[in-house]
Amino acid sequence: MNSNEYYISRCLQIAKNGLGTTRPNPMVGAVIVHNNKIIGEGYTSYYGGSHAEVNAINSVNDKSLLKEASLYVTLEPCSHYGKTPPCSDLIIDHNIPRVIIGCVDDNPKVAGRGIKKLIESGCNVTVGVLEEECKKHHKRFFTFHNKKRPYIILKWAETYDGFIAPITKKEQKPVWISNKYSRQLVHKWRSEEHAILIGTNAVLEDNPSLTARHWTGNNPIRVVIDRNNKLNKNHSVFNTESETIIISEDTIDFSENLAVEICRLLYGKNINSVIIEGGQKTLQTFIDANLWDEARVFIGANKFNDGITAPNFSGQLVSEQLILHDILKIYSND
């Protein structure tokens, strides 16, 4: 690993501090180096706050060093006015002579303009350091802008013999397949994503609240498919702990491809990622439409012998780990 890769790797490391708080903005990391020493670091603040480059520059005690420093950043500095002024202008104003960028910003508002502005100011710009790692890190952001839909994560738990739920239940509450540590991990995931989606039957059968209550972080926006408005305000998804979006015949056309229609709606609401925790029917709808990016599947040690079967899908196995007696398999959709 050369020095450029080392510092971009550090940018990626600190950028993760913004996971779940910067949306719909990307979680960027920036590092400022002078004479082979890091003199400033920053990552993207909560949405509406300062960008990573601003926070990194502000963290430098002796600003006179900036005119001899190098700025490393995971994503091309912005060149337009949004909630904050352009980061490229700030870099130019401080006469930072060298900028090393992980990957180009595909957002049409930027898309090379930030790089062009820096070069025209006389800045020495290097692009594409650890590019694939940076693109993977910014997967939610790139999916949203390139595919015009949220980054979609499928999640379910299935028994050792392949069932996700019993045929019938005595009570309106979940029948747990995964253990408490796996369930806490799910709450961590919820805090990292913009929204969470389930279907009507999942609400009627389990009455979930869909919050990240077992983890410190933001609750996702709750998205509930309720075509015929069967649900009432007594269900937990309507409590005040988070915003809830109801998808009914008033909001989308159910005669069209349901997954496509939902993606169109969520994109229009500027939601850049969603976990789908619905039942078998909801999950299969997105699988059949090939509208998913990751699948996170817990396999419990218990058996039902009969029940509702797990979704039928194929994907590339990315990782597999043991969580007590559960097996967690993560797949990507290539």
Protein backbone atom coordinates (compact mmCIF):
# COMPACT_ATOMS: atom_id res chain seq x y z
CA MET A 1 0.00 0.00 0.00
CA ASN A 2 1.50 3.32 -1.09
CA SER A 3 1.05 6.58 0.79
CA ASN A 4 -1.94 7.74 -1.27
CA GLU A 5 -3.74 4.46 -0.61
CA TYR A 6 -2.86 4.62 3.06
CA TYR A 7 -4.45 8.03 3.55
CA ILE A 8 -7.52 7.24 1.44
CA SER A 9 -7.89 4.09 3.55
CA ARG A 10 -7.91 6.33 6.63
CA CYS A 11 -10.54 8.52 4.95
CA LEU A 12 -12.75 5.45 4.47
CA GLN A 13 -12.24 4.46 8.08
CA ILE A 14 -13.37 7.78 9.55
CA ALA A 15 -16.16 8.24 6.97
CA LYS A 16 -18.06 5.36 8.58
CA ASN A 17 -18.70 7.64 11.57
CA GLY A 18 -21.37 9.27 9.44
CA LEU A 19 -23.27 6.06 8.71
CA GLY A 20 -26.98 6.59 9.27
CA THR A 21 -26.75 10.34 9.94
CA THR A 22 -25.73 12.03 6.67
CA ARG A 23 -28.53 10.67 4.46
CA PRO A 24 -29.42 11.50 1.79
CA ASN A 25 -25.90 12.97 1.52
CA PRO A 26 -22.96 10.56 1.14
CA MET A 27 -20.84 9.75 4.19
CA VAL A 28 -17.49 11.19 3.09
CA GLY A 29 -14.17 11.09 4.91
CA ALA A 30 -11.32 13.59 4.49
CA VAL A 31 -7.75 13.74 5.76
CA ILE A 32 -5.20 16.58 5.46
CA VAL A 33 -1.50 15.68 5.41
CA HIS A 34 1.55 17.95 5.80
CA ASN A 35 5.09 16.56 5.60
CA ASN A 36 3.79 12.98 5.93
CA LYS A 37 1.85 13.84 9.08
CA ILE A 38 -1.94 14.02 9.45
CA ILE A 39 -2.82 17.52 10.64
CA GLY A 40 -6.58 17.40 10.11
CA GLU A 41 -9.46 14.94 9.72
CA GLY A 42 -13.18 15.20 9.17
CA TYR A 43 -16.28 13.31 8.10
CA THR A 44 -19.70 14.45 6.93
CA SER A 45 -21.88 15.94 9.66
CA TYR A 46 -25.58 15.30 10.15
CA TYR A 47 -27.61 16.22 7.07
CA GLY A 48 -27.58 19.98 6.69
CA GLY A 49 -24.26 20.30 8.53
CA SER A 50 -20.71 20.69 7.29
CA HIS A 51 -19.18 18.36 4.73
CA ALA A 52 -16.10 16.24 5.43
CA GLU A 53 -13.65 18.64 3.73
CA VAL A 54 -14.96 21.58 5.78
CA ASN A 55 -14.64 19.65 9.04
CA ALA A 56 -11.13 18.50 8.12
CA ILE A 57 -9.98 22.03 7.27
CA ASN A 58 -11.58 23.43 10.44
CA SER A 59 -9.73 20.82 12.53
CA VAL A 60 -6.31 22.10 11.42
CA ASN A 61 -4.84 24.29 14.15
CA ASP A 62 -2.27 26.09 12.03
CA LYS A 63 -4.09 27.10 8.85
CA SER A 64 -0.83 28.43 7.33
CA LEU A 65 0.21 24.81 6.76
CA LEU A 66 -2.69 24.24 4.36
CA LYS A 67 -0.89 25.95 1.46
CA GLU A 68 1.76 23.19 1.67
CA ALA A 69 -0.59 20.29 2.46
CA SER A 70 -2.41 17.52 0.63
CA LEU A 71 -6.13 16.85 1.09
CA TYR A 72 -7.39 13.28 0.71
CA VAL A 73 -11.10 12.60 0.27
CA THR A 74 -13.22 9.55 -0.57
CA LEU A 75 -15.50 11.41 -3.01
CA GLU A 76 -15.07 14.34 -5.38
CA PRO A 77 -15.56 17.66 -3.54
CA CYS A 78 -18.87 19.30 -4.37
CA SER A 79 -18.97 22.32 -6.68
CA HIS A 80 -22.53 23.56 -6.12
CA TYR A 81 -24.51 25.34 -3.44
CA GLY A 82 -26.84 23.07 -1.49
CA LYS A 83 -27.37 23.18 2.26
CA THR A 84 -23.74 24.39 2.44
CA PRO A 85 -21.34 26.26 0.10
CA PRO A 86 -19.15 24.30 -2.39
CA CYS A 87 -16.27 22.40 -0.80
CA SER A 88 -14.13 22.91 -3.91
CA ASP A 89 -14.30 26.69 -3.35
CA LEU A 90 -13.14 26.30 0.25
CA ILE A 91 -10.18 24.16 -0.86
CA ILE A 92 -9.22 26.80 -3.42
CA ASP A 93 -9.65 29.64 -0.91
CA HIS A 94 -7.16 27.94 1.42
CA ASN A 95 -4.67 27.37 -1.43
CA ILE A 96 -4.38 23.64 -0.76
CA PRO A 97 -2.06 22.62 -3.62
CA ARG A 98 -2.78 18.90 -3.87
CA VAL A 99 -6.05 16.93 -3.70
CA ILE A 100 -6.29 13.13 -3.90
CA ILE A 101 -9.77 11.75 -4.60
CA GLY A 102 -11.06 8.21 -4.21
CA CYS A 103 -13.82 8.37 -6.83
CA VAL A 104 -15.78 10.81 -8.98
CA ASP A 105 -19.19 11.99 -7.76
CA ASP A 106 -21.94 10.71 -10.09
CA ASN A 107 -24.43 13.27 -8.82
CA PRO A 108 -25.32 15.35 -11.92
CA LYS A 109 -24.87 18.49 -9.81
CA VAL A 110 -21.17 17.59 -9.41
CA ALA A 111 -20.07 14.87 -11.91
CA GLY A 112 -16.54 16.12 -12.53
CA ARG A 113 -17.26 19.81 -12.04
CA GLY A 114 -15.53 19.89 -8.68
CA ILE A 115 -12.41 18.30 -10.16
CA LYS A 116 -12.49 20.68 -13.13
CA LYS A 117 -12.76 23.69 -10.83
CA LEU A 118 -9.80 22.50 -8.73
CA ILE A 119 -7.61 21.86 -11.77
CA GLU A 120 -8.46 25.25 -13.29
CA SER A 121 -7.38 26.91 -10.04
CA GLY A 122 -3.94 25.29 -10.39
CA CYS A 123 -4.50 22.46 -7.93
CA ASN A 124 -2.72 19.15 -8.59
CA VAL A 125 -5.56 16.59 -8.59
CA THR A 126 -5.24 12.80 -8.47
CA VAL A 127 -8.39 10.71 -9.02
CA GLY A 128 -9.09 6.99 -8.57
CA VAL A 129 -7.08 5.99 -5.50
CA LEU A 130 -8.73 2.88 -3.97
CA GLU A 131 -11.54 3.66 -6.40
CA GLU A 132 -13.45 0.37 -6.08
CA GLU A 133 -13.30 0.51 -2.28
CA CYS A 134 -14.60 4.09 -2.34
CA LYS A 135 -17.42 3.22 -4.76
CA LYS A 136 -18.43 0.32 -2.54
CA HIS A 137 -18.37 2.59 0.50
CA HIS A 138 -20.64 5.07 -1.30
CA LYS A 139 -22.95 2.34 -2.64
CA ARG A 140 -26.14 3.92 -1.30
CA PHE A 141 -25.32 7.29 -2.85
CA PHE A 142 -24.31 5.86 -6.23
CA THR A 143 -27.30 3.53 -6.45
CA PHE A 144 -29.66 6.41 -5.74
CA HIS A 145 -28.18 8.68 -8.42
CA ASN A 146 -27.34 6.07 -11.07
CA LYS A 147 -30.31 3.71 -10.77
CA LYS A 148 -32.86 6.28 -9.60
CA ARG A 149 -33.92 4.13 -6.65
CA PRO A 150 -32.86 3.41 -3.07
CA TYR A 151 -30.14 0.91 -2.23
CA ILE A 152 -32.18 -2.17 -1.28
CA ILE A 153 -31.27 -4.63 1.48
CA LEU A 154 -33.38 -7.76 1.93
CA LYS A 155 -33.38 -9.23 5.43
CA TRP A 156 -35.00 -12.28 6.91
CA ALA A 157 -34.43 -15.14 9.35
CA GLU A 158 -35.18 -18.73 8.43
CA THR A 159 -35.14 -21.97 10.35
CA TYR A 160 -32.57 -24.66 9.76
CA ASP A 161 -35.15 -26.43 7.58
CA GLY A 162 -35.96 -23.35 5.50
CA PHE A 163 -39.09 -21.71 6.97
CA ILE A 164 -39.52 -18.04 7.93
CA ALA A 165 -42.76 -18.35 9.89
CA PRO A 166 -45.29 -20.92 11.09
CA ILE A 167 -48.56 -21.31 9.17
CA THR A 168 -50.63 -20.15 12.15
CA LYS A 169 -49.90 -18.32 15.41
CA LYS A 170 -51.76 -17.99 18.68
CA GLU A 171 -50.64 -14.41 19.45
CA GLN A 172 -50.03 -11.17 17.55
CA LYS A 173 -46.28 -11.11 18.10
CA PRO A 174 -43.17 -12.44 16.32
CA VAL A 175 -42.11 -16.07 16.53
CA TRP A 176 -38.37 -15.64 16.95
CA ILE A 177 -36.04 -17.71 14.81
CA SER A 178 -32.80 -15.81 15.44
CA ASN A 179 -31.21 -15.22 18.85
CA LYS A 180 -31.07 -11.95 20.81
CA TYR A 181 -27.60 -11.05 19.52
CA SER A 182 -28.72 -11.40 15.92
CA ARG A 183 -31.79 -9.30 16.68
CA GLN A 184 -29.64 -6.57 18.23
CA LEU A 185 -27.52 -6.56 15.06
CA VAL A 186 -30.71 -6.01 13.05
CA HIS A 187 -31.45 -2.93 15.16
CA LYS A 188 -27.95 -1.65 14.39
CA TRP A 189 -28.68 -2.14 10.68
CA ARG A 190 -31.94 -0.25 11.03
CA SER A 191 -30.09 2.74 12.50
CA GLU A 192 -27.79 2.75 9.46
CA GLU A 193 -30.45 2.87 6.74
CA HIS A 194 -32.85 5.58 5.63
CA ALA A 195 -36.04 3.49 5.64
CA ILE A 196 -37.50 0.09 6.51
CA LEU A 197 -40.33 -1.57 4.57
CA ILE A 198 -42.86 -4.28 5.40
CA GLY A 199 -46.24 -5.45 4.11
CA THR A 200 -49.72 -5.37 5.59
CA ASN A 201 -49.71 -8.96 6.84
CA ALA A 202 -46.47 -8.45 8.77
CA VAL A 203 -48.11 -5.59 10.67
CA LEU A 204 -51.32 -7.54 11.30
CA GLU A 205 -49.51 -10.66 12.48
CA ASP A 206 -46.58 -9.21 14.47
CA ASN A 207 -47.52 -5.58 15.26
CA PRO A 208 -43.86 -4.45 15.01
CA SER A 209 -42.65 -0.94 15.85
CA LEU A 210 -39.74 -1.12 13.33
CA THR A 211 -37.43 1.06 15.41
CA ALA A 212 -33.76 0.76 16.38
CA ARG A 213 -34.66 0.64 20.08
CA HIS A 214 -31.95 -1.93 20.94
CA TRP A 215 -29.19 0.21 19.43
CA THR A 216 -28.12 3.83 19.78
CA GLY A 217 -28.95 5.65 16.57
CA ASN A 218 -31.67 7.08 14.39
CA ASN A 219 -34.89 5.23 13.71
CA PRO A 220 -35.51 4.57 10.02
CA ILE A 221 -38.53 5.95 8.20
CA ARG A 222 -41.20 3.22 8.29
CA VAL A 223 -42.73 2.28 4.94
CA VAL A 224 -45.80 0.04 5.07
CA ILE A 225 -47.60 -1.50 2.10
CA ASP A 226 -51.29 -1.24 2.92
CA ARG A 227 -53.11 -1.43 -0.40
CA ASN A 228 -56.66 -1.36 0.94
CA ASN A 229 -56.03 0.69 4.11
CA LYS A 230 -56.65 -2.22 6.47
CA LEU A 231 -54.44 -0.85 9.24
CA ASN A 232 -55.52 1.48 12.01
CA LYS A 233 -53.73 3.98 14.21
CA ASN A 234 -53.53 1.47 17.09
CA HIS A 235 -50.76 -0.45 15.32
CA SER A 236 -47.26 0.30 16.59
CA VAL A 237 -46.04 1.50 13.19
CA PHE A 238 -48.16 4.61 13.72
CA ASN A 239 -46.56 5.66 17.01
CA THR A 240 -44.56 8.87 17.24
CA GLU A 241 -41.12 7.25 17.37
CA SER A 242 -40.54 7.70 13.66
CA GLU A 243 -42.17 8.88 10.45
CA THR A 244 -44.41 6.37 8.65
CA ILE A 245 -45.21 6.30 4.93
CA ILE A 246 -48.23 4.26 3.89
CA ILE A 247 -48.25 2.80 0.37
CA SER A 248 -51.83 2.29 -0.76
CA GLU A 249 -53.84 2.59 -3.94
CA ASP A 250 -53.87 6.32 -3.22
CA THR A 251 -50.09 6.54 -3.69
CA ILE A 252 -49.08 4.00 -6.37
CA ASP A 253 -50.60 1.95 -9.19
CA PHE A 254 -50.92 -1.65 -7.97
CA SER A 255 -51.70 -2.86 -11.50
CA GLU A 256 -48.08 -2.10 -12.44
CA ASN A 257 -44.93 -3.85 -11.18
CA LEU A 258 -45.20 -3.33 -7.43
CA ALA A 259 -41.45 -3.26 -6.70
CA VAL A 260 -40.84 -0.75 -9.48
CA GLU A 261 -43.69 1.45 -8.27
CA ILE A 262 -42.41 1.40 -4.68
CA CYS A 263 -38.88 2.27 -5.81
CA ARG A 264 -40.24 5.16 -7.86
CA LEU A 265 -42.18 6.46 -4.86
CA LEU A 266 -39.23 6.21 -2.46
CA TYR A 267 -36.86 7.81 -4.95
CA GLY A 268 -39.29 10.69 -5.26
CA LYS A 269 -39.18 11.10 -1.49
CA ASN A 270 -35.36 11.28 -1.61
CA ILE A 271 -34.91 8.01 0.34
CA ASN A 272 -31.53 6.54 -0.57
CA SER A 273 -31.64 3.17 1.19
CA VAL A 274 -34.23 0.75 2.53
CA ILE A 275 -34.22 -2.52 4.47
CA ILE A 276 -37.04 -4.81 3.44
CA GLU A 277 -38.13 -6.88 6.43
CA GLY A 278 -41.50 -7.90 5.06
CA GLY A 279 -42.90 -11.39 4.87
CA GLN A 280 -42.24 -13.93 2.16
CA LYS A 281 -44.58 -12.27 -0.34
CA THR A 282 -43.04 -8.81 0.01
CA LEU A 283 -39.48 -10.11 -0.17
CA GLN A 284 -40.25 -12.29 -3.18
CA THR A 285 -41.81 -9.33 -4.99
CA PHE A 286 -38.48 -7.49 -4.98
CA ILE A 287 -36.50 -10.63 -5.77
CA ASP A 288 -38.67 -11.46 -8.77
CA ALA A 289 -38.28 -7.90 -10.05
CA ASN A 290 -34.50 -8.16 -9.54
CA LEU A 291 -34.65 -5.01 -7.45
CA TRP A 292 -32.28 -5.72 -4.59
CA ASP A 293 -28.60 -5.13 -3.82
CA GLU A 294 -27.89 -7.15 -0.67
CA ALA A 295 -29.59 -10.03 1.13
CA ARG A 296 -28.81 -10.60 4.81
CA VAL A 297 -30.09 -13.99 5.90
CA PHE A 298 -30.01 -15.46 9.39
CA ILE A 299 -30.29 -19.24 9.65
CA GLY A 300 -31.43 -20.35 13.09
CA ALA A 301 -30.70 -23.64 14.79
CA ASN A 302 -34.39 -24.49 15.29
CA LYS A 303 -36.78 -26.31 12.97
CA PHE A 304 -40.49 -25.80 12.19
CA ASN A 305 -40.92 -28.95 10.03
CA ASP A 306 -43.67 -27.02 8.26
CA GLY A 307 -44.56 -23.37 7.66
CA ILE A 308 -44.07 -20.48 5.26
CA THR A 309 -41.00 -21.16 3.14
CA ALA A 310 -38.09 -18.72 2.87
CA PRO A 311 -37.85 -16.61 -0.31
CA ASN A 312 -36.44 -18.23 -3.42
CA PHE A 313 -33.46 -16.29 -4.71
CA SER A 314 -29.92 -16.54 -6.02
CA GLY A 315 -27.00 -14.24 -5.30
CA GLN A 316 -23.29 -14.24 -4.69
CA LEU A 317 -22.34 -15.25 -1.14
CA VAL A 318 -20.14 -12.44 0.18
CA SER A 319 -19.62 -13.48 3.79
CA GLU A 320 -20.72 -16.01 6.37
CA GLN A 321 -20.36 -15.79 10.14
CA LEU A 322 -21.57 -17.47 13.30
CA ILE A 323 -23.57 -15.42 15.84
CA LEU A 324 -23.89 -17.76 18.79
CA HIS A 325 -25.94 -20.58 17.21
CA ASP A 326 -27.17 -18.52 14.23
CA ILE A 327 -25.48 -18.42 10.86
CA LEU A 328 -25.53 -15.05 9.11
CA LYS A 329 -25.08 -15.17 5.34
CA ILE A 330 -24.74 -12.00 3.29
CA TYR A 331 -25.30 -12.07 -0.46
CA SER A 332 -24.87 -9.48 -3.19
CA ASN A 333 -26.91 -9.23 -6.37
CA ASP A 334 -24.50 -9.11 -9.29
